[in-house]
C-alpha atoms as a PDB file:
ATOM      1  CA  MET A   1      -0.071  -0.138  -0.215  1.00  0.00           C
ATOM      2  CA  SER A   2       1.703   3.401  -0.708  1.00  0.00           C
ATOM      3  CA  TYR A   3       1.441   6.340   1.280  1.00  0.00           C
ATOM      4  CA  ARG A   4       2.422   8.650  -1.414  1.00  0.00           C
ATOM      5  CA  ARG A   5       1.109  12.677  -0.006  1.00  0.00           C
ATOM      6  CA  ASN A   6      -2.472  13.171  -1.913  1.00  0.00           C
ATOM      7  CA  TYR A   7      -2.625  16.334  -2.738  1.00  0.00           C
ATOM      8  CA  GLY A   8      -6.410  15.823  -3.328  1.00  0.00           C
ATOM      9  CA  ILE A   9      -6.776  15.286  -0.075  1.00  0.00           C
ATOM     10  CA  ASP A  10      -4.818  18.352   1.352  1.00  0.00           C
ATOM     11  CA  PHE A  11      -6.892  20.377  -1.553  1.00  0.00           C
ATOM     12  CA  LEU A  12     -10.295  19.177   0.511  1.00  0.00           C
ATOM     13  CA  ARG A  13      -8.907  20.089   4.130  1.00  0.00           C
ATOM     14  CA  ILE A  14      -9.324  23.693   2.260  1.00  0.00           C
ATOM     15  CA  ILE A  15     -12.394  23.325   0.898  1.00  0.00           C
ATOM     16  CA  THR A  16     -13.537  22.061   4.004  1.00  0.00           C
ATOM     17  CA  MET A  17     -12.155  24.720   5.981  1.00  0.00           C
ATOM     18  CA  MET A  18     -14.133  27.068   3.483  1.00  0.00           C
ATOM     19  CA  MET A  19     -17.242  25.104   4.032  1.00  0.00           C
ATOM     20  CA  VAL A  20     -16.768  25.669   7.754  1.00  0.00           C
ATOM     21  CA  VAL A  21     -16.717  29.287   7.462  1.00  0.00           C
ATOM     22  CA  THR A  22     -19.488  29.001   5.052  1.00  0.00           C
ATOM     23  CA  LEU A  23     -21.765  27.287   8.082  1.00  0.00           C
ATOM     24  CA  HIS A  24     -20.943  30.073  10.507  1.00  0.00           C
ATOM     25  CA  VAL A  25     -21.419  33.049   8.373  1.00  0.00           C
ATOM     26  CA  LEU A  26     -25.031  31.770   7.786  1.00  0.00           C
ATOM     27  CA  GLY A  27     -25.616  30.426  11.148  1.00  0.00           C
ATOM     28  CA  HIS A  28     -23.777  32.727  13.480  1.00  0.00           C
ATOM     29  CA  GLY A  29     -24.039  35.854  10.940  1.00  0.00           C
ATOM     30  CA  GLY A  30     -27.565  35.424  10.883  1.00  0.00           C
ATOM     31  CA  VAL A  31     -28.971  35.453   7.461  1.00  0.00           C
ATOM     32  CA  LEU A  32     -30.686  32.090   7.785  1.00  0.00           C
ATOM     33  CA  GLY A  33     -33.058  33.520  10.329  1.00  0.00           C
ATOM     34  CA  ARG A  34     -33.919  37.041   8.666  1.00  0.00           C
ATOM     35  CA  LEU A  35     -35.213  35.073   5.486  1.00  0.00           C
ATOM     36  CA  GLU A  36     -38.927  34.401   4.981  1.00  0.00           C
ATOM     37  CA  ARG A  37     -39.992  30.790   4.974  1.00  0.00           C
ATOM     38  CA  GLY A  38     -40.427  28.818   1.822  1.00  0.00           C
ATOM     39  CA  SER A  39     -39.259  32.112  -0.496  1.00  0.00           C
ATOM     40  CA  LEU A  40     -36.404  31.911  -2.840  1.00  0.00           C
ATOM     41  CA  ARG A  41     -33.839  33.416  -1.036  1.00  0.00           C
ATOM     42  CA  TYR A  42     -34.817  30.956   1.877  1.00  0.00           C
ATOM     43  CA  MET A  43     -34.355  27.849  -0.397  1.00  0.00           C
ATOM     44  CA  LEU A  44     -31.195  29.169  -1.759  1.00  0.00           C
ATOM     45  CA  ALA A  45     -29.472  29.589   1.305  1.00  0.00           C
ATOM     46  CA  TRP A  46     -30.447  26.932   2.978  1.00  0.00           C
ATOM     47  CA  PHE A  47     -28.813  24.933   0.340  1.00  0.00           C
ATOM     48  CA  LEU A  48     -25.942  26.360   0.631  1.00  0.00           C
ATOM     49  CA  GLU A  49     -25.717  25.422   4.257  1.00  0.00           C
ATOM     50  CA  THR A  50     -26.735  21.537   3.456  1.00  0.00           C
ATOM     51  CA  ALA A  51     -24.477  21.276   1.067  1.00  0.00           C
ATOM     52  CA  ALA A  52     -21.220  22.472   3.829  1.00  0.00           C
ATOM     53  CA  PHE A  53     -23.450  20.869   6.830  1.00  0.00           C
ATOM     54  CA  CYS A  54     -20.657  17.744   6.331  1.00  0.00           C
ATOM     55  CA  SER A  55     -17.713  19.851   6.672  1.00  0.00           C
ATOM     56  CA  VAL A  56     -16.780  18.834  10.157  1.00  0.00           C
ATOM     57  CA  ASN A  57     -17.232  15.263   9.571  1.00  0.00           C
ATOM     58  CA  THR A  58     -15.165  15.857   6.274  1.00  0.00           C
ATOM     59  CA  TYR A  59     -12.461  17.382   8.228  1.00  0.00           C
ATOM     60  CA  ALA A  60     -12.642  14.320  10.917  1.00  0.00           C
ATOM     61  CA  LEU A  61     -12.325  12.040   8.569  1.00  0.00           C
ATOM     62  CA  ILE A  62      -9.551  13.140   6.783  1.00  0.00           C
ATOM     63  CA  SER A  63      -7.866  13.366   9.813  1.00  0.00           C
ATOM     64  CA  GLY A  64      -8.022   9.658   9.993  1.00  0.00           C
ATOM     65  CA  TYR A  65      -7.448   9.547   6.515  1.00  0.00           C
ATOM     66  CA  VAL A  66      -3.867  10.935   6.406  1.00  0.00           C
ATOM     67  CA  GLY A  67      -2.901   9.820  10.383  1.00  0.00           C
ATOM     68  CA  GLY A  68      -4.668   6.573  10.542  1.00  0.00           C
ATOM     69  CA  ASN A  69      -0.845   5.377   9.284  1.00  0.00           C
ATOM     70  CA  SER A  70       1.219   6.786  11.098  1.00  0.00           C
ATOM     71  CA  LYS A  71       2.840   6.736  14.251  1.00  0.00           C
ATOM     72  CA  PRO A  72       0.903   8.965  16.689  1.00  0.00           C
ATOM     73  CA  LYS A  73       3.589  11.478  18.572  1.00  0.00           C
ATOM     74  CA  CYS A  74       3.557  13.528  21.042  1.00  0.00           C
ATOM     75  CA  SER A  75       5.392  16.589  19.482  1.00  0.00           C
ATOM     76  CA  ARG A  76       1.735  16.852  17.547  1.00  0.00           C
ATOM     77  CA  LEU A  77      -0.273  17.106  20.878  1.00  0.00           C
ATOM     78  CA  ILE A  78       2.067  19.723  21.851  1.00  0.00           C
ATOM     79  CA  MET A  79       1.990  21.774  18.600  1.00  0.00           C
ATOM     80  CA  LEU A  80      -1.543  21.411  18.995  1.00  0.00           C
ATOM     81  CA  TRP A  81      -2.026  22.827  22.243  1.00  0.00           C
ATOM     82  CA  LEU A  82       0.889  25.935  21.550  1.00  0.00           C
ATOM     83  CA  GLN A  83      -1.482  26.752  18.220  1.00  0.00           C
ATOM     84  CA  VAL A  84      -4.797  27.023  20.010  1.00  0.00           C
ATOM     85  CA  ILE A  85      -3.446  28.460  23.514  1.00  0.00           C
ATOM     86  CA  PHE A  86      -1.150  31.510  21.076  1.00  0.00           C
ATOM     87  CA  TYR A  87      -4.122  32.640  19.669  1.00  0.00           C
ATOM     88  CA  THR A  88      -6.322  32.416  22.802  1.00  0.00           C
ATOM     89  CA  VAL A  89      -3.769  34.158  25.015  1.00  0.00           C
ATOM     90  CA  LEU A  90      -3.089  36.648  22.065  1.00  0.00           C
ATOM     91  CA  ILE A  91      -6.532  37.217  21.219  1.00  0.00           C
ATOM     92  CA  THR A  92      -7.668  37.953  24.745  1.00  0.00           C
ATOM     93  CA  PHE A  93      -5.195  40.325  25.489  1.00  0.00           C
ATOM     94  CA  ILE A  94      -5.808  42.324  22.603  1.00  0.00           C
ATOM     95  CA  PHE A  95      -9.072  42.968  23.598  1.00  0.00           C
ATOM     96  CA  THR A  96      -8.003  43.676  27.076  1.00  0.00           C
ATOM     97  CA  LEU A  97      -6.175  46.373  25.793  1.00  0.00           C
ATOM     98  CA  GLN A  98      -8.895  47.478  22.831  1.00  0.00           C
ATOM     99  CA  LYS A  99     -12.253  46.541  25.160  1.00  0.00           C
ATOM    100  CA  PRO A 100     -11.206  45.934  28.744  1.00  0.00           C
ATOM    101  CA  ASP A 101     -15.165  46.049  29.368  1.00  0.00           C
ATOM    102  CA  LEU A 102     -15.267  42.884  27.534  1.00  0.00           C
ATOM    103  CA  ILE A 103     -12.724  40.625  29.665  1.00  0.00           C
ATOM    104  CA  ASN A 104     -13.175  39.145  32.936  1.00  0.00           C
ATOM    105  CA  ALA A 105     -11.667  36.642  35.168  1.00  0.00           C
ATOM    106  CA  PHE A 106     -13.558  33.689  33.036  1.00  0.00           C
ATOM    107  CA  ALA A 107     -12.178  34.990  29.555  1.00  0.00           C
ATOM    108  CA  TRP A 108      -9.295  34.580  30.761  1.00  0.00           C
ATOM    109  CA  LYS A 109      -9.840  30.928  32.341  1.00  0.00           C
ATOM    110  CA  ARG A 110     -10.844  30.006  29.056  1.00  0.00           C
ATOM    111  CA  ALA A 111      -7.989  31.960  27.606  1.00  0.00           C
ATOM    112  CA  ILE A 112      -5.340  29.620  29.814  1.00  0.00           C
ATOM    113  CA  PHE A 113      -7.156  26.406  29.759  1.00  0.00           C
ATOM    114  CA  PRO A 114      -8.446  26.511  25.919  1.00  0.00           C
ATOM    115  CA  VAL A 115      -9.395  22.529  26.230  1.00  0.00           C
ATOM    116  CA  PHE A 116     -10.600  21.948  29.491  1.00  0.00           C
ATOM    117  CA  THR A 117     -13.493  24.844  29.590  1.00  0.00           C
ATOM    118  CA  LYS A 118     -13.976  23.560  26.270  1.00  0.00           C
ATOM    119  CA  GLN A 119     -13.156  27.163  24.183  1.00  0.00           C
ATOM    120  CA  TYR A 120     -13.565  25.422  20.739  1.00  0.00           C
ATOM    121  CA  TRP A 121     -15.138  22.003  20.987  1.00  0.00           C
ATOM    122  CA  TYR A 122     -13.849  20.140  17.883  1.00  0.00           C
ATOM    123  CA  ILE A 123     -10.116  20.729  19.525  1.00  0.00           C
ATOM    124  CA  THR A 124     -11.340  19.304  22.831  1.00  0.00           C
ATOM    125  CA  GLY A 125     -12.846  16.393  21.019  1.00  0.00           C
ATOM    126  CA  TYR A 126      -9.942  15.959  19.303  1.00  0.00           C
ATOM    127  CA  PHE A 127      -7.270  16.456  22.406  1.00  0.00           C
ATOM    128  CA  GLY A 128      -9.192  13.391  24.001  1.00  0.00           C
ATOM    129  CA  LEU A 129      -8.954  11.432  20.779  1.00  0.00           C
ATOM    130  CA  TYR A 130      -5.539  11.892  20.291  1.00  0.00           C
ATOM    131  CA  LEU A 131      -4.421  10.749  24.008  1.00  0.00           C
ATOM    132  CA  ILE A 132      -6.118   7.339  22.858  1.00  0.00           C
ATOM    133  CA  LEU A 133      -4.814   7.414  19.510  1.00  0.00           C
ATOM    134  CA  PRO A 134      -2.321   4.839  20.112  1.00  0.00           C
ATOM    135  CA  TYR A 135      -5.121   2.216  20.520  1.00  0.00           C
ATOM    136  CA  ILE A 136      -6.964   3.656  18.302  1.00  0.00           C
ATOM    137  CA  HIS A 137      -4.270   3.129  15.438  1.00  0.00           C
ATOM    138  CA  TRP A 138      -4.213  -0.661  17.116  1.00  0.00           C
ATOM    139  CA  ILE A 139      -7.765  -1.396  16.223  1.00  0.00           C
ATOM    140  CA  ILE A 140      -7.505   0.116  12.790  1.00  0.00           C
ATOM    141  CA  GLU A 141      -4.328  -2.147  12.296  1.00  0.00           C
ATOM    142  CA  LYS A 142      -5.866  -5.137  13.372  1.00  0.00           C
ATOM    143  CA  MET A 143      -8.901  -4.699  12.047  1.00  0.00           C
ATOM    144  CA  THR A 144      -9.544  -6.940   8.629  1.00  0.00           C
ATOM    145  CA  LEU A 145     -12.059  -5.952   5.623  1.00  0.00           C
ATOM    146  CA  ARG A 146     -14.543  -8.423   7.049  1.00  0.00           C
ATOM    147  CA  GLN A 147     -14.650  -6.215  10.318  1.00  0.00           C
ATOM    148  CA  ALA A 148     -14.702  -3.629   9.095  1.00  0.00           C
ATOM    149  CA  VAL A 149     -17.591  -3.444   6.511  1.00  0.00           C
ATOM    150  CA  PHE A 150     -19.788  -5.725   9.576  1.00  0.00           C
ATOM    151  CA  GLY A 151     -18.684  -2.780  12.363  1.00  0.00           C
ATOM    152  CA  GLY A 152     -18.917   0.074   9.512  1.00  0.00           C
ATOM    153  CA  GLY A 153     -22.210  -1.377   9.107  1.00  0.00           C
ATOM    154  CA  ILE A 154     -23.874  -1.834  12.832  1.00  0.00           C
ATOM    155  CA  GLY A 155     -21.794   1.312  13.559  1.00  0.00           C
ATOM    156  CA  PHE A 156     -23.879   3.319  10.542  1.00  0.00           C
ATOM    157  CA  ILE A 157     -27.258   1.421  12.151  1.00  0.00           C
ATOM    158  CA  ALA A 158     -26.310   2.534  15.698  1.00  0.00           C
ATOM    159  CA  PHE A 159     -24.755   5.466  16.030  1.00  0.00           C
ATOM    160  CA  SER A 160     -26.556   7.733  12.632  1.00  0.00           C
ATOM    161  CA  ILE A 161     -29.741   5.747  11.746  1.00  0.00           C
ATOM    162  CA  LEU A 162     -31.266   5.072  14.952  1.00  0.00           C
ATOM    163  CA  PRO A 163     -30.524   8.122  16.642  1.00  0.00           C
ATOM    164  CA  SER A 164     -31.871  10.272  13.209  1.00  0.00           C
ATOM    165  CA  VAL A 165     -35.165   8.270  13.137  1.00  0.00           C
ATOM    166  CA  LEU A 166     -35.688   7.708  16.763  1.00  0.00           C
ATOM    167  CA  GLN A 167     -34.428  11.353  17.832  1.00  0.00           C
ATOM    168  CA  THR A 168     -32.617  10.191  20.513  1.00  0.00           C
ATOM    169  CA  ASP A 169     -29.034  10.226  21.821  1.00  0.00           C
ATOM    170  CA  PRO A 170     -28.360   6.934  24.041  1.00  0.00           C
ATOM    171  CA  PHE A 171     -24.619   6.902  23.176  1.00  0.00           C
ATOM    172  CA  ASN A 172     -24.060  10.547  24.483  1.00  0.00           C
ATOM    173  CA  ILE A 173     -23.383  11.373  20.920  1.00  0.00           C
ATOM    174  CA  ALA A 174     -24.612  15.047  21.582  1.00  0.00           C
ATOM    175  CA  GLU A 175     -25.444  15.263  17.690  1.00  0.00           C
ATOM    176  CA  GLY A 176     -22.111  14.958  16.433  1.00  0.00           C
ATOM    177  CA  TYR A 177     -20.188  17.308  19.325  1.00  0.00           C
ATOM    178  CA  SER A 178     -18.336  15.206  21.120  1.00  0.00           C
ATOM    179  CA  MET A 179     -15.249  13.262  21.355  1.00  0.00           C
ATOM    180  CA  LEU A 180     -16.936   9.653  20.289  1.00  0.00           C
ATOM    181  CA  TRP A 181     -18.276  10.772  17.442  1.00  0.00           C
ATOM    182  CA  LEU A 182     -14.806  12.102  16.268  1.00  0.00           C
ATOM    183  CA  CYS A 183     -13.063   8.872  17.358  1.00  0.00           C
ATOM    184  CA  ILE A 184     -15.715   6.908  15.126  1.00  0.00           C
ATOM    185  CA  LEU A 185     -14.790   9.532  12.265  1.00  0.00           C
ATOM    186  CA  TYR A 186     -11.442   9.161  12.656  1.00  0.00           C
ATOM    187  CA  ILE A 187     -11.763   5.277  12.541  1.00  0.00           C
ATOM    188  CA  VAL A 188     -13.832   5.134   9.494  1.00  0.00           C
ATOM    189  CA  GLY A 189     -11.426   7.528   7.775  1.00  0.00           C
ATOM    190  CA  GLY A 190      -8.352   5.650   8.702  1.00  0.00           C
ATOM    191  CA  CYS A 191     -10.358   2.321   7.267  1.00  0.00           C
ATOM    192  CA  MET A 192     -11.112   4.197   4.069  1.00  0.00           C
ATOM    193  CA  LYS A 193      -7.656   4.207   3.083  1.00  0.00           C
ATOM    194  CA  LYS A 194      -6.354   1.304   4.724  1.00  0.00           C
ATOM    195  CA  PHE A 195      -9.207  -1.197   2.408  1.00  0.00           C
ATOM    196  CA  ASP A 196      -9.538   1.569  -0.040  1.00  0.00           C
ATOM    197  CA  PHE A 197     -13.219   1.098  -0.522  1.00  0.00           C
ATOM    198  CA  PHE A 198     -14.172   3.411  -2.821  1.00  0.00           C
ATOM    199  CA  VAL A 199     -11.493   1.480  -5.562  1.00  0.00           C
ATOM    200  CA  ASN A 200     -14.062   0.712  -7.894  1.00  0.00           C
ATOM    201  CA  TRP A 201     -16.424   3.561  -8.131  1.00  0.00           C
ATOM    202  CA  ASP A 202     -15.547   6.482 -10.435  1.00  0.00           C
ATOM    203  CA  LYS A 203     -15.747  10.344  -9.977  1.00  0.00           C
ATOM    204  CA  ARG A 204     -18.797  10.688 -11.429  1.00  0.00           C
ATOM    205  CA  ASN A 205     -20.532   7.945  -9.081  1.00  0.00           C
ATOM    206  CA  LEU A 206     -19.200  10.109  -6.138  1.00  0.00           C
ATOM    207  CA  VAL A 207     -20.300  13.464  -7.410  1.00  0.00           C
ATOM    208  CA  LEU A 208     -23.420  11.846  -7.843  1.00  0.00           C
ATOM    209  CA  LEU A 209     -23.636  10.088  -4.239  1.00  0.00           C
ATOM    210  CA  TYR A 210     -22.842  13.920  -2.991  1.00  0.00           C
ATOM    211  CA  LEU A 211     -25.596  15.562  -4.275  1.00  0.00           C
ATOM    212  CA  GLY A 212     -27.870  12.974  -3.694  1.00  0.00           C
ATOM    213  CA  ALA A 213     -27.124  13.486  -0.082  1.00  0.00           C
ATOM    214  CA  VAL A 214     -27.892  17.085  -0.242  1.00  0.00           C
ATOM    215  CA  LEU A 215     -30.495  16.757  -2.308  1.00  0.00           C
ATOM    216  CA  VAL A 216     -32.639  14.622   0.164  1.00  0.00           C
ATOM    217  CA  SER A 217     -31.217  16.551   3.514  1.00  0.00           C
ATOM    218  CA  TRP A 218     -32.240  19.808   1.995  1.00  0.00           C
ATOM    219  CA  GLY A 219     -35.862  18.655   0.796  1.00  0.00           C
ATOM    220  CA  SER A 220     -36.552  17.228   4.219  1.00  0.00           C
ATOM    221  CA  LYS A 221     -35.738  20.706   5.653  1.00  0.00           C
ATOM    222  CA  LEU A 222     -38.014  22.217   3.085  1.00  0.00           C
ATOM    223  CA  VAL A 223     -40.914  19.635   3.222  1.00  0.00           C
ATOM    224  CA  PHE A 224     -40.673  19.489   7.115  1.00  0.00           C
ATOM    225  CA  ASP A 225     -40.871  23.165   7.256  1.00  0.00           C
ATOM    226  CA  VAL A 226     -44.043  23.258   5.130  1.00  0.00           C
ATOM    227  CA  THR A 227     -45.488  20.555   6.506  1.00  0.00           C
ATOM    228  CA  LYS A 228     -44.488  20.950  10.324  1.00  0.00           C
ATOM    229  CA  THR A 229     -44.711  17.665  11.641  1.00  0.00           C
ATOM    230  CA  LYS A 230     -40.835  16.718  12.216  1.00  0.00           C
ATOM    231  CA  ASP A 231     -37.962  18.166  13.671  1.00  0.00           C
ATOM    232  CA  SER A 232     -37.123  20.342  10.111  1.00  0.00           C
ATOM    233  CA  MET A 233     -33.007  19.652  10.906  1.00  0.00           C
ATOM    234  CA  LEU A 234     -33.932  15.539  11.222  1.00  0.00           C
ATOM    235  CA  LEU A 235     -31.443  15.421   8.084  1.00  0.00           C
ATOM    236  CA  LEU A 236     -29.024  17.993   9.018  1.00  0.00           C
ATOM    237  CA  ASN A 237     -26.984  17.598  12.144  1.00  0.00           C
ATOM    238  CA  TYR A 238     -23.076  16.132  12.225  1.00  0.00           C
ATOM    239  CA  ILE A 239     -24.791  12.089  12.883  1.00  0.00           C
ATOM    240  CA  SER A 240     -27.704  12.520  10.235  1.00  0.00           C
ATOM    241  CA  PRO A 241     -27.009   9.504   7.582  1.00  0.00           C
ATOM    242  CA  THR A 242     -27.177  11.829   4.928  1.00  0.00           C
ATOM    243  CA  VAL A 243     -24.588  13.993   6.328  1.00  0.00           C
ATOM    244  CA  VAL A 244     -22.251  10.862   6.666  1.00  0.00           C
ATOM    245  CA  ILE A 245     -22.597   9.867   3.706  1.00  0.00           C
ATOM    246  CA  MET A 246     -21.416  13.820   1.898  1.00  0.00           C
ATOM    247  CA  ALA A 247     -18.551  13.688   4.032  1.00  0.00           C
ATOM    248  CA  ILE A 248     -17.472  10.127   2.905  1.00  0.00           C
ATOM    249  CA  ALA A 249     -18.532  10.637  -0.507  1.00  0.00           C
ATOM    250  CA  LEU A 250     -15.975  13.699  -0.925  1.00  0.00           C
ATOM    251  CA  VAL A 251     -12.846  12.118   1.101  1.00  0.00           C
ATOM    252  CA  ALA A 252     -13.288   9.542  -1.325  1.00  0.00           C
ATOM    253  CA  LEU A 253     -13.688  12.084  -4.377  1.00  0.00           C
ATOM    254  CA  PHE A 254     -11.136  14.156  -3.791  1.00  0.00           C
ATOM    255  CA  SER A 255      -9.003  11.140  -2.905  1.00  0.00           C
ATOM    256  CA  LYS A 256      -8.715  10.334  -6.682  1.00  0.00           C
ATOM    257  CA  ILE A 257      -8.063  13.487  -7.902  1.00  0.00           C
ATOM    258  CA  ASP A 258      -4.516  13.537  -9.281  1.00  0.00           C
ATOM    259  CA  ILE A 259      -3.051  17.219  -8.861  1.00  0.00           C
ATOM    260  CA  VAL A 260      -0.243  17.757 -11.465  1.00  0.00           C
ATOM    261  CA  ASN A 261       0.061  21.242 -11.868  1.00  0.00           C
ATOM    262  CA  ARG A 262       2.961  22.760  -9.928  1.00  0.00           C
ATOM    263  CA  LYS A 263       1.425  26.352  -9.358  1.00  0.00           C
ATOM    264  CA  LEU A 264      -1.486  24.635  -8.046  1.00  0.00           C
ATOM    265  CA  LEU A 265       0.114  22.225  -6.039  1.00  0.00           C
ATOM    266  CA  LYS A 266       2.666  25.150  -4.319  1.00  0.00           C
ATOM    267  CA  LEU A 267      -0.748  26.873  -3.347  1.00  0.00           C
ATOM    268  CA  ILE A 268      -2.331  23.591  -1.689  1.00  0.00           C
ATOM    269  CA  SER A 269       1.058  22.734   0.312  1.00  0.00           C
ATOM    270  CA  ILE A 270       0.898  26.442   1.744  1.00  0.00           C
ATOM    271  CA  LEU A 271      -2.647  26.253   2.298  1.00  0.00           C
ATOM    272  CA  SER A 272      -3.292  22.762   3.844  1.00  0.00           C
ATOM    273  CA  PRO A 273      -1.477  23.389   6.994  1.00  0.00           C
ATOM    274  CA  ALA A 274      -3.155  26.743   7.677  1.00  0.00           C
ATOM    275  CA  THR A 275      -6.692  25.436   7.847  1.00  0.00           C
ATOM    276  CA  LEU A 276      -7.420  24.515  11.628  1.00  0.00           C
ATOM    277  CA  GLY A 277      -5.782  27.934  12.302  1.00  0.00           C
ATOM    278  CA  VAL A 278      -8.657  29.031  10.220  1.00  0.00           C
ATOM    279  CA  TYR A 279     -11.059  27.377  12.449  1.00  0.00           C
ATOM    280  CA  ILE A 280      -8.928  28.458  15.628  1.00  0.00           C
ATOM    281  CA  ILE A 281      -9.143  32.287  14.600  1.00  0.00           C
ATOM    282  CA  HIS A 282     -12.644  32.703  13.486  1.00  0.00           C
ATOM    283  CA  GLU A 283     -14.119  30.913  16.029  1.00  0.00           C
ATOM    284  CA  HIS A 284     -12.569  32.229  19.143  1.00  0.00           C
ATOM    285  CA  PHE A 285     -15.491  33.433  21.224  1.00  0.00           C
ATOM    286  CA  LEU A 286     -14.360  36.772  21.349  1.00  0.00           C
ATOM    287  CA  ILE A 287     -14.046  37.230  17.749  1.00  0.00           C
ATOM    288  CA  LYS A 288     -17.700  35.302  17.035  1.00  0.00           C
ATOM    289  CA  GLU A 289     -19.144  37.336  19.487  1.00  0.00           C
ATOM    290  CA  ASN A 290     -17.558  41.147  17.901  1.00  0.00           C
ATOM    291  CA  PHE A 291     -17.133  40.442  14.177  1.00  0.00           C
ATOM    292  CA  ILE A 292     -18.958  36.859  12.938  1.00  0.00           C
ATOM    293  CA  ASN A 293     -22.239  36.868  14.824  1.00  0.00           C
ATOM    294  CA  GLY A 294     -24.810  39.348  12.420  1.00  0.00           C
ATOM    295  CA  ILE A 295     -22.130  39.875   9.809  1.00  0.00           C
ATOM    296  CA  SER A 296     -24.486  38.638   7.394  1.00  0.00           C
ATOM    297  CA  ILE A 297     -28.105  39.729   8.524  1.00  0.00           C
ATOM    298  CA  ASN A 298     -28.733  42.814   6.209  1.00  0.00           C
ATOM    299  CA  TYR A 299     -27.786  40.233   3.529  1.00  0.00           C
ATOM    300  CA  ALA A 300     -30.929  39.313   3.805  1.00  0.00           C
ATOM    301  CA  LYS A 301     -32.248  42.392   2.156  1.00  0.00           C
ATOM    302  CA  ALA A 302     -29.986  42.332  -1.042  1.00  0.00           C
ATOM    303  CA  SER A 303     -31.623  43.170  -4.061  1.00  0.00           C
ATOM    304  CA  ASN A 304     -32.305  40.139  -5.678  1.00  0.00           C
ATOM    305  CA  SER A 305     -30.835  36.505  -4.653  1.00  0.00           C
ATOM    306  CA  ILE A 306     -27.816  36.360  -6.759  1.00  0.00           C
ATOM    307  CA  MET A 307     -26.521  38.874  -5.185  1.00  0.00           C
ATOM    308  CA  MET A 308     -27.229  38.013  -1.513  1.00  0.00           C
ATOM    309  CA  LEU A 309     -25.055  34.585  -2.265  1.00  0.00           C
ATOM    310  CA  PHE A 310     -22.496  37.016  -3.717  1.00  0.00           C
ATOM    311  CA  GLU A 311     -22.307  38.580  -0.768  1.00  0.00           C
ATOM    312  CA  ILE A 312     -22.114  35.417   1.602  1.00  0.00           C
ATOM    313  CA  ILE A 313     -19.513  34.186  -0.518  1.00  0.00           C
ATOM    314  CA  ILE A 314     -17.253  37.248  -0.264  1.00  0.00           C
ATOM    315  CA  THR A 315     -17.472  37.098   2.865  1.00  0.00           C
ATOM    316  CA  VAL A 316     -16.965  33.456   3.257  1.00  0.00           C
ATOM    317  CA  LEU A 317     -13.510  34.317   1.268  1.00  0.00           C
ATOM    318  CA  GLY A 318     -12.766  37.514   3.077  1.00  0.00           C
ATOM    319  CA  ILE A 319     -12.645  35.797   6.406  1.00  0.00           C
ATOM    320  CA  TYR A 320     -10.997  32.680   4.987  1.00  0.00           C
ATOM    321  CA  THR A 321      -8.103  34.858   3.586  1.00  0.00           C
ATOM    322  CA  CYS A 322      -8.052  37.131   6.317  1.00  0.00           C
ATOM    323  CA  CYS A 323      -7.464  34.148   9.061  1.00  0.00           C
ATOM    324  CA  THR A 324      -4.914  32.228   6.751  1.00  0.00           C
ATOM    325  CA  LEU A 325      -2.820  34.848   6.678  1.00  0.00           C
ATOM    326  CA  ILE A 326      -2.688  35.700  10.182  1.00  0.00           C
ATOM    327  CA  GLU A 327      -2.112  31.599  10.626  1.00  0.00           C
ATOM    328  CA  LEU A 328       0.802  31.432   7.959  1.00  0.00           C
ATOM    329  CA  ILE A 329       2.277  34.418   9.782  1.00  0.00           C
ATOM    330  CA  ARG A 330       1.926  32.490  13.021  1.00  0.00           C
ATOM    331  CA  ILE A 331       3.501  29.320  11.205  1.00  0.00           C
ATOM    332  CA  LYS A 332       6.529  31.624  10.323  1.00  0.00           C
ATOM    333  CA  PHE A 333       7.039  32.571  13.736  1.00  0.00           C
ATOM    334  CA  PHE A 334       7.129  29.380  15.390  1.00  0.00           C
ATOM    335  CA  LYS A 335       9.308  27.658  12.625  1.00  0.00           C
ATOM    336  CA  ALA A 336      11.897  30.788  13.766  1.00  0.00           C
ATOM    337  CA  LEU A 337      11.715  30.087  17.101  1.00  0.00           C
ATOM    338  CA  HIS A 338      12.269  26.595  16.038  1.00  0.00           C
ATOM    339  CA  ILE A 339       9.334  25.298  18.585  1.00  0.00           C
ATOM    340  CA  GLU A 340       8.688  21.807  16.407  1.00  0.00           C
ATOM    341  CA  GLU A 341      11.910  20.987  16.460  1.00  0.00           C
ATOM    342  CA  LYS A 342      11.967  21.407  20.549  1.00  0.00           C
ATOM    343  CA  SER A 343       8.964  19.725  20.799  1.00  0.00           C
ATOM    344  CA  ARG A 344      10.160  16.956  18.534  1.00  0.00           C
ATOM    345  CA  MET A 345      12.985  16.370  21.137  1.00  0.00           C
ATOM    346  CA  LEU A 346      10.296  14.881  23.614  1.00  0.00           C
ATOM    347  CA  ASP A 347       9.505  12.286  20.602  1.00  0.00           C
ATOM    348  CA  GLU A 348      13.219  10.958  21.330  1.00  0.00           C
ATOM    349  CA  LYS A 349      13.250  11.046  24.800  1.00  0.00           C
ATOM    350  CA  ILE A 350       9.876   9.055  25.317  1.00  0.00           C
ATOM    351  CA  LYS A 351      11.268   6.877  22.025  1.00  0.00           C
ATOM    352  CA  SER A 352      14.363   6.299  24.355  1.00  0.00           C
ATOM    353  CA  LEU A 353      12.331   5.407  26.614  1.00  0.00           C
END
């Protein structure tokens, strides 16, 4: 089995983070709540929301797809913690200087202990996942194809289909906002890489699978809005079977994309490592409350539907670009201080023990 770097997956990581920003611009931004139910603008905005809803699942699958065949290293966990606390402390410090009335002891508590105060639910969940990663990798390594297919089918029914249909949470998955859900997706991503389940699928079929799942989720939202017979978000949460299928289809699709253009490869290699930073920056509670919340409310009053979509897309690209530039500066700063090299010294010490 070849472990050559897959730039298609790196490209998907970039697209996925843009989709995450899209969810936040539509949701936190406020435009979804200001649109008239049943209007063309409402349907278009919710189609965009639905198409991007699998982004978090996709990002978690990518982690397993890329990391499932590598050895967990303590340095990676240290680098993650340093990256997070760099931004939480810096942003809180800047707000302390500029808007001290917004800062209190709890804000600094969240800044200094971002993982344990759930500053970012995804980071907290991933941090916990990483602590048990050696055992997860052992499971992936020892798993046979038959076990993967059988276990995947049972898991899909138990963790996705039944909780969605019955609207229960027997395993405390919290609609996907949990460490358990990230662990499940990591294992699925690792198995997708190991067994290459979609080797015989062509790209067209994978595109149709993704679009089909999007249309089912989107259609259910619109139908339930009208009939009011069920929760309209029944198929729009992270554990929804259609949302899971979207994520799997995207990972399978982009794993088959062979990028040969050197300029594009260079751009992807620069932007891909900065994606997590985009999330950390724009989802910081001070940034979210003061800049992201309400940013798209007035887009509901755009002159037409196309203009509304244009304004949403421009805002997404603007947020993504600004956060990426900041993260690239942070990466260079850490390199100048040789922080990653120093953290790797711990790996060598642990290895020697």
